[in-house]
Amino acid sequence: MSEIFTNKAGLNRGRKIERVRKLRGWTQSDLAGKLGVSKQAISKLEQAENIGDEKLNEVAVALGVTFEGLRDFTEEKVLYNTNNFHENCGVSASNIVANVENLHNPLKETIELFERQLEAARKDLLEIVKTNMARND
């Protein structure tokens, strides 16, 4: 028999599922599809205070997170990990600007190619006009 988890200090287990689902950018229908249940079943699950290990693990797998990550999820941990990642990743605004300037720009290259082809077509047309004028003289 699976142990029932509750979290009196923070979000109940159902609300944790809801928050992780929303952080993933998923709708209740998206999660329902992954679990093979109805949207109403997800709504009911997200309102539940107590969810057993087995069900929580099944939902964690569907959400693409670990059982422990879902079980121990808190908004504070998300903020802490996000801030620490940002502070320790070595990315600064000046690095971003420098890299953006060096990005491959397919639109610019397409325009340049089009302009080269247009110039070549103009030259070809000019040659045709000159040839026709020479024949008519």
N, C-alpha and C. Protein backbone atom coordinates (compact mmCIF):
# COMPACT_ATOMS: atom_id res chain seq x y z
N MET A 1 0.85 -1.18 0.00
CA MET A 1 0.00 0.00 0.00
C MET A 1 0.89 1.24 0.00
N SER A 2 0.57 2.21 -0.82
CA SER A 2 1.43 3.38 -0.94
C SER A 2 1.18 4.36 0.20
N GLU A 3 2.24 5.04 0.57
CA GLU A 3 2.17 6.06 1.60
C GLU A 3 1.45 7.28 1.03
N ILE A 4 0.67 7.96 1.85
CA ILE A 4 -0.03 9.16 1.43
C ILE A 4 0.79 10.36 1.89
N PHE A 5 1.06 11.30 0.95
CA PHE A 5 1.83 12.50 1.26
C PHE A 5 0.92 13.68 1.40
N THR A 6 1.16 14.47 2.41
CA THR A 6 0.51 15.77 2.52
C THR A 6 1.59 16.77 2.86
N ASN A 7 1.30 18.03 2.65
CA ASN A 7 2.28 19.07 2.92
C ASN A 7 1.56 20.21 3.61
N LYS A 8 1.56 20.20 4.92
CA LYS A 8 0.84 21.22 5.68
C LYS A 8 1.52 22.58 5.60
N ALA A 9 2.83 22.63 5.37
CA ALA A 9 3.57 23.89 5.39
C ALA A 9 3.41 24.69 4.10
N GLY A 10 3.07 24.04 3.01
CA GLY A 10 3.01 24.76 1.74
C GLY A 10 1.85 24.28 0.90
N LEU A 11 2.09 24.14 -0.37
CA LEU A 11 1.06 23.68 -1.30
C LEU A 11 0.71 22.22 -1.04
N ASN A 12 -0.57 21.88 -1.20
CA ASN A 12 -0.91 20.46 -1.13
C ASN A 12 -0.42 19.79 -2.40
N ARG A 13 -0.41 18.49 -2.44
CA ARG A 13 0.18 17.76 -3.56
C ARG A 13 -0.53 18.08 -4.88
N GLY A 14 -1.83 18.23 -4.85
CA GLY A 14 -2.56 18.57 -6.06
C GLY A 14 -2.15 19.91 -6.62
N ARG A 15 -1.97 20.88 -5.74
CA ARG A 15 -1.56 22.22 -6.19
C ARG A 15 -0.13 22.19 -6.74
N LYS A 16 0.70 21.32 -6.20
CA LYS A 16 2.06 21.17 -6.74
C LYS A 16 2.01 20.65 -8.17
N ILE A 17 1.14 19.69 -8.41
CA ILE A 17 0.96 19.17 -9.76
C ILE A 17 0.51 20.30 -10.68
N GLU A 18 -0.45 21.09 -10.22
CA GLU A 18 -0.94 22.21 -11.01
C GLU A 18 0.17 23.20 -11.34
N ARG A 19 0.97 23.57 -10.34
CA ARG A 19 2.04 24.54 -10.55
C ARG A 19 3.10 24.02 -11.54
N VAL A 20 3.50 22.76 -11.37
CA VAL A 20 4.49 22.19 -12.28
C VAL A 20 3.90 22.11 -13.69
N ARG A 21 2.65 21.72 -13.80
CA ARG A 21 1.99 21.66 -15.11
C ARG A 21 2.01 23.03 -15.77
N LYS A 22 1.67 24.06 -15.01
CA LYS A 22 1.64 25.41 -15.57
C LYS A 22 3.04 25.90 -15.91
N LEU A 23 4.03 25.56 -15.10
CA LEU A 23 5.42 25.93 -15.41
C LEU A 23 5.87 25.28 -16.71
N ARG A 24 5.35 24.11 -17.00
CA ARG A 24 5.68 23.42 -18.26
C ARG A 24 4.92 24.04 -19.44
N GLY A 25 3.93 24.89 -19.13
CA GLY A 25 3.14 25.51 -20.19
C GLY A 25 2.05 24.59 -20.71
N TRP A 26 1.66 23.63 -19.92
CA TRP A 26 0.65 22.66 -20.33
C TRP A 26 -0.72 23.02 -19.79
N THR A 27 -1.74 22.63 -20.53
CA THR A 27 -3.12 22.75 -20.06
C THR A 27 -3.49 21.47 -19.33
N GLN A 28 -4.63 21.50 -18.67
CA GLN A 28 -5.11 20.28 -18.03
C GLN A 28 -5.35 19.20 -19.08
N SER A 29 -5.80 19.60 -20.25
CA SER A 29 -6.03 18.64 -21.34
C SER A 29 -4.73 17.99 -21.79
N ASP A 30 -3.64 18.79 -21.82
CA ASP A 30 -2.33 18.23 -22.20
C ASP A 30 -1.92 17.13 -21.24
N LEU A 31 -2.01 17.42 -19.95
CA LEU A 31 -1.63 16.42 -18.94
C LEU A 31 -2.58 15.23 -18.98
N ALA A 32 -3.84 15.50 -19.17
CA ALA A 32 -4.83 14.41 -19.26
C ALA A 32 -4.47 13.46 -20.40
N GLY A 33 -4.08 14.03 -21.52
CA GLY A 33 -3.68 13.20 -22.66
C GLY A 33 -2.48 12.32 -22.34
N LYS A 34 -1.51 12.88 -21.62
CA LYS A 34 -0.31 12.12 -21.26
C LYS A 34 -0.65 10.96 -20.31
N LEU A 35 -1.65 11.20 -19.45
CA LEU A 35 -2.02 10.18 -18.46
C LEU A 35 -3.14 9.27 -18.94
N GLY A 36 -3.78 9.62 -20.06
CA GLY A 36 -4.89 8.82 -20.56
C GLY A 36 -6.13 8.93 -19.71
N VAL A 37 -6.36 10.13 -19.17
CA VAL A 37 -7.55 10.37 -18.35
C VAL A 37 -8.25 11.61 -18.89
N SER A 38 -9.38 11.95 -18.28
CA SER A 38 -10.13 13.13 -18.71
C SER A 38 -9.57 14.40 -18.08
N LYS A 39 -9.92 15.52 -18.69
CA LYS A 39 -9.54 16.82 -18.14
C LYS A 39 -10.16 16.99 -16.74
N GLN A 40 -11.35 16.49 -16.56
CA GLN A 40 -12.02 16.57 -15.26
C GLN A 40 -11.26 15.78 -14.19
N ALA A 41 -10.66 14.66 -14.59
CA ALA A 41 -9.86 13.87 -13.64
C ALA A 41 -8.63 14.67 -13.20
N ILE A 42 -8.04 15.43 -14.12
CA ILE A 42 -6.88 16.26 -13.78
C ILE A 42 -7.32 17.39 -12.85
N SER A 43 -8.45 17.99 -13.14
CA SER A 43 -8.97 19.05 -12.27
C SER A 43 -9.16 18.53 -10.85
N LYS A 44 -9.75 17.36 -10.73
CA LYS A 44 -9.98 16.74 -9.42
C LYS A 44 -8.64 16.41 -8.74
N LEU A 45 -7.69 15.89 -9.51
CA LEU A 45 -6.37 15.54 -8.98
C LEU A 45 -5.67 16.78 -8.44
N GLU A 46 -5.77 17.91 -9.18
CA GLU A 46 -5.10 19.14 -8.77
C GLU A 46 -5.73 19.77 -7.54
N GLN A 47 -6.91 19.34 -7.19
CA GLN A 47 -7.56 19.86 -5.99
C GLN A 47 -7.35 18.94 -4.78
N ALA A 48 -6.79 17.76 -5.03
CA ALA A 48 -6.60 16.79 -3.95
C ALA A 48 -5.47 17.21 -3.02
N GLU A 49 -5.69 17.03 -1.72
CA GLU A 49 -4.64 17.31 -0.75
C GLU A 49 -3.72 16.11 -0.58
N ASN A 50 -4.27 14.92 -0.67
CA ASN A 50 -3.51 13.69 -0.46
C ASN A 50 -3.44 12.90 -1.76
N ILE A 51 -2.23 12.54 -2.15
CA ILE A 51 -2.03 11.72 -3.34
C ILE A 51 -0.98 10.68 -3.01
N GLY A 52 -1.28 9.44 -3.32
CA GLY A 52 -0.37 8.34 -3.00
C GLY A 52 0.88 8.35 -3.87
N ASP A 53 1.90 7.63 -3.40
CA ASP A 53 3.19 7.53 -4.11
C ASP A 53 3.01 7.10 -5.55
N GLU A 54 2.24 6.04 -5.74
CA GLU A 54 2.10 5.46 -7.06
C GLU A 54 1.54 6.48 -8.05
N LYS A 55 0.48 7.16 -7.67
CA LYS A 55 -0.16 8.15 -8.54
C LYS A 55 0.77 9.36 -8.75
N LEU A 56 1.42 9.80 -7.66
CA LEU A 56 2.33 10.94 -7.77
C LEU A 56 3.49 10.61 -8.72
N ASN A 57 3.99 9.40 -8.66
CA ASN A 57 5.07 8.98 -9.56
C ASN A 57 4.58 8.96 -11.00
N GLU A 58 3.39 8.46 -11.22
CA GLU A 58 2.81 8.41 -12.56
C GLU A 58 2.68 9.83 -13.15
N VAL A 59 2.23 10.77 -12.34
CA VAL A 59 2.08 12.15 -12.77
C VAL A 59 3.45 12.78 -13.03
N ALA A 60 4.42 12.48 -12.16
CA ALA A 60 5.78 13.02 -12.32
C ALA A 60 6.37 12.57 -13.66
N VAL A 61 6.20 11.31 -13.99
CA VAL A 61 6.71 10.78 -15.26
C VAL A 61 6.03 11.51 -16.43
N ALA A 62 4.71 11.68 -16.34
CA ALA A 62 3.98 12.36 -17.41
C ALA A 62 4.45 13.80 -17.56
N LEU A 63 4.77 14.46 -16.45
CA LEU A 63 5.23 15.84 -16.48
C LEU A 63 6.71 15.96 -16.86
N GLY A 64 7.42 14.84 -16.85
CA GLY A 64 8.84 14.86 -17.20
C GLY A 64 9.71 15.37 -16.06
N VAL A 65 9.29 15.13 -14.82
CA VAL A 65 10.07 15.52 -13.65
C VAL A 65 10.26 14.29 -12.77
N THR A 66 11.15 14.41 -11.80
CA THR A 66 11.35 13.28 -10.89
C THR A 66 10.24 13.24 -9.85
N PHE A 67 10.05 12.05 -9.31
CA PHE A 67 9.08 11.87 -8.22
C PHE A 67 9.42 12.80 -7.06
N GLU A 68 10.71 12.82 -6.69
CA GLU A 68 11.15 13.65 -5.58
C GLU A 68 10.96 15.14 -5.88
N GLY A 69 11.24 15.51 -7.11
CA GLY A 69 11.07 16.90 -7.51
C GLY A 69 9.64 17.35 -7.40
N LEU A 70 8.72 16.49 -7.80
CA LEU A 70 7.30 16.84 -7.70
C LEU A 70 6.84 16.80 -6.25
N ARG A 71 7.26 15.78 -5.53
CA ARG A 71 6.85 15.64 -4.13
C ARG A 71 7.35 16.81 -3.28
N ASP A 72 8.59 17.25 -3.53
CA ASP A 72 9.20 18.28 -2.70
C ASP A 72 9.12 19.68 -3.32
N PHE A 73 8.36 19.83 -4.39
CA PHE A 73 8.25 21.11 -5.09
C PHE A 73 7.78 22.23 -4.18
N THR A 74 8.49 23.36 -4.24
CA THR A 74 8.03 24.59 -3.60
C THR A 74 8.38 25.75 -4.52
N GLU A 75 7.60 26.80 -4.43
CA GLU A 75 7.88 28.00 -5.23
C GLU A 75 9.26 28.55 -4.87
N GLU A 76 9.63 28.46 -3.59
CA GLU A 76 10.92 28.99 -3.14
C GLU A 76 12.08 28.24 -3.80
N LYS A 77 11.96 26.92 -3.94
CA LYS A 77 13.02 26.15 -4.59
C LYS A 77 13.17 26.54 -6.05
N VAL A 78 12.06 26.77 -6.70
CA VAL A 78 12.12 27.19 -8.11
C VAL A 78 12.84 28.53 -8.22
N LEU A 79 12.46 29.48 -7.38
CA LEU A 79 13.10 30.80 -7.41
C LEU A 79 14.58 30.70 -7.05
N TYR A 80 14.91 29.92 -6.03
CA TYR A 80 16.29 29.75 -5.62
C TYR A 80 17.13 29.16 -6.75
N ASN A 81 16.64 28.08 -7.35
CA ASN A 81 17.39 27.43 -8.43
C ASN A 81 17.50 28.32 -9.65
N THR A 82 16.45 29.06 -9.95
CA THR A 82 16.48 29.97 -11.09
C THR A 82 17.50 31.07 -10.86
N ASN A 83 17.48 31.68 -9.68
CA ASN A 83 18.43 32.75 -9.37
C ASN A 83 19.86 32.24 -9.36
N ASN A 84 20.09 31.08 -8.77
CA ASN A 84 21.45 30.53 -8.73
C ASN A 84 21.94 30.16 -10.12
N PHE A 85 21.06 29.64 -10.94
CA PHE A 85 21.46 29.31 -12.31
C PHE A 85 21.88 30.58 -13.03
N HIS A 86 21.06 31.61 -12.92
CA HIS A 86 21.36 32.87 -13.60
C HIS A 86 22.67 33.47 -13.11
N GLU A 87 22.87 33.48 -11.79
CA GLU A 87 24.07 34.09 -11.22
C GLU A 87 25.33 33.31 -11.55
N ASN A 88 25.22 32.00 -11.69
CA ASN A 88 26.41 31.17 -11.87
C ASN A 88 26.63 30.68 -13.30
N CYS A 89 25.82 31.13 -14.24
CA CYS A 89 25.95 30.61 -15.60
C CYS A 89 26.97 31.37 -16.42
N GLY A 90 27.47 32.51 -15.93
CA GLY A 90 28.49 33.26 -16.65
C GLY A 90 27.96 34.09 -17.80
N VAL A 91 26.67 34.27 -17.85
CA VAL A 91 26.08 35.07 -18.92
C VAL A 91 25.82 36.47 -18.40
N SER A 92 26.27 37.45 -19.16
CA SER A 92 26.02 38.84 -18.80
C SER A 92 25.35 39.54 -19.98
N ALA A 93 24.82 40.70 -19.73
CA ALA A 93 24.16 41.45 -20.80
C ALA A 93 25.14 41.74 -21.93
N SER A 94 26.38 42.06 -21.61
CA SER A 94 27.35 42.37 -22.67
C SER A 94 27.66 41.13 -23.49
N ASN A 95 27.70 39.95 -22.86
CA ASN A 95 27.91 38.71 -23.61
C ASN A 95 26.75 38.45 -24.57
N ILE A 96 25.56 38.70 -24.10
CA ILE A 96 24.38 38.47 -24.93
C ILE A 96 24.40 39.40 -26.13
N VAL A 97 24.67 40.68 -25.90
CA VAL A 97 24.70 41.65 -27.00
C VAL A 97 25.77 41.26 -28.02
N ALA A 98 26.94 40.88 -27.55
CA ALA A 98 28.02 40.49 -28.46
C ALA A 98 27.62 39.28 -29.29
N ASN A 99 26.95 38.33 -28.67
CA ASN A 99 26.55 37.12 -29.40
C ASN A 99 25.41 37.40 -30.37
N VAL A 100 24.50 38.28 -30.01
CA VAL A 100 23.39 38.60 -30.91
C VAL A 100 23.92 39.24 -32.18
N GLU A 101 24.93 40.08 -32.06
CA GLU A 101 25.48 40.73 -33.23
C GLU A 101 26.13 39.73 -34.18
N ASN A 102 26.58 38.60 -33.67
CA ASN A 102 27.24 37.60 -34.51
C ASN A 102 26.32 36.47 -34.95
N LEU A 103 25.04 36.58 -34.65
CA LEU A 103 24.11 35.53 -35.03
C LEU A 103 23.99 35.41 -36.54
N HIS A 104 23.79 34.21 -36.97
CA HIS A 104 23.53 33.93 -38.38
C HIS A 104 22.17 34.55 -38.72
N ASN A 105 22.14 35.43 -39.71
CA ASN A 105 20.91 36.12 -40.07
C ASN A 105 20.46 35.66 -41.45
N PRO A 106 19.59 34.65 -41.52
CA PRO A 106 19.17 34.13 -42.82
C PRO A 106 18.39 35.16 -43.65
N LEU A 107 17.66 36.06 -43.02
CA LEU A 107 16.91 37.07 -43.77
C LEU A 107 17.88 38.00 -44.50
N LYS A 108 18.92 38.43 -43.81
CA LYS A 108 19.92 39.31 -44.43
C LYS A 108 20.59 38.59 -45.60
N GLU A 109 20.94 37.33 -45.39
CA GLU A 109 21.58 36.56 -46.46
C GLU A 109 20.63 36.36 -47.64
N THR A 110 19.36 36.16 -47.37
CA THR A 110 18.37 35.99 -48.43
C THR A 110 18.24 37.27 -49.25
N ILE A 111 18.20 38.40 -48.58
CA ILE A 111 18.12 39.69 -49.27
C ILE A 111 19.35 39.92 -50.13
N GLU A 112 20.53 39.62 -49.58
CA GLU A 112 21.77 39.78 -50.35
C GLU A 112 21.78 38.88 -51.57
N LEU A 113 21.33 37.64 -51.42
CA LEU A 113 21.27 36.71 -52.56
C LEU A 113 20.29 37.24 -53.60
N PHE A 114 19.13 37.71 -53.17
CA PHE A 114 18.14 38.25 -54.09
C PHE A 114 18.71 39.45 -54.85
N GLU A 115 19.42 40.33 -54.14
CA GLU A 115 20.01 41.50 -54.79
C GLU A 115 21.06 41.09 -55.83
N ARG A 116 21.86 40.06 -55.53
CA ARG A 116 22.85 39.57 -56.49
C ARG A 116 22.15 38.99 -57.73
N GLN A 117 21.10 38.22 -57.51
CA GLN A 117 20.36 37.64 -58.63
C GLN A 117 19.68 38.72 -59.46
N LEU A 118 19.15 39.74 -58.79
CA LEU A 118 18.51 40.85 -59.49
C LEU A 118 19.53 41.60 -60.35
N GLU A 119 20.71 41.83 -59.82
CA GLU A 119 21.77 42.51 -60.57
C GLU A 119 22.19 41.67 -61.78
N ALA A 120 22.30 40.36 -61.60
CA ALA A 120 22.67 39.47 -62.71
C ALA A 120 21.57 39.49 -63.77
N ALA A 121 20.30 39.50 -63.36
CA ALA A 121 19.19 39.56 -64.32
C ALA A 121 19.19 40.88 -65.07
N ARG A 122 19.51 41.97 -64.39
CA ARG A 122 19.62 43.29 -65.06
C ARG A 122 20.70 43.26 -66.13
N LYS A 123 21.86 42.68 -65.81
CA LYS A 123 22.96 42.59 -66.77
C LYS A 123 22.54 41.76 -67.97
N ASP A 124 21.87 40.61 -67.71
CA ASP A 124 21.40 39.76 -68.80
C ASP A 124 20.41 40.51 -69.68
N LEU A 125 19.49 41.23 -69.06
CA LEU A 125 18.50 41.99 -69.81
C LEU A 125 19.17 43.08 -70.65
N LEU A 126 20.15 43.74 -70.06
CA LEU A 126 20.87 44.78 -70.79
C LEU A 126 21.58 44.19 -72.01
N GLU A 127 22.17 43.02 -71.86
CA GLU A 127 22.84 42.34 -72.98
C GLU A 127 21.84 41.99 -74.07
N ILE A 128 20.66 41.50 -73.68
CA ILE A 128 19.63 41.14 -74.66
C ILE A 128 19.17 42.38 -75.42
N VAL A 129 18.95 43.47 -74.68
CA VAL A 129 18.53 44.72 -75.32
C VAL A 129 19.60 45.20 -76.29
N LYS A 130 20.86 45.17 -75.90
CA LYS A 130 21.96 45.61 -76.78
C LYS A 130 22.03 44.73 -78.02
N THR A 131 21.88 43.42 -77.84
CA THR A 131 21.94 42.49 -78.97
C THR A 131 20.79 42.78 -79.93
N ASN A 132 19.58 42.99 -79.43
CA ASN A 132 18.42 43.27 -80.28
C ASN A 132 18.59 44.60 -81.00
N MET A 133 19.15 45.58 -80.33
CA MET A 133 19.36 46.89 -80.95
C MET A 133 20.40 46.78 -82.07
N ALA A 134 21.41 45.97 -81.85
CA ALA A 134 22.46 45.79 -82.86
C ALA A 134 21.88 45.09 -84.07
N ARG A 135 21.00 44.15 -83.90
CA ARG A 135 20.39 43.41 -85.01
C ARG A 135 19.47 44.33 -85.81
N ASN A 136 18.82 45.24 -85.15
CA ASN A 136 17.86 46.12 -85.81
C ASN A 136 18.57 47.23 -86.58
N ASP A 137 19.79 47.47 -86.28
CA ASP A 137 20.51 48.55 -87.00
C ASP A 137 20.98 48.11 -88.30
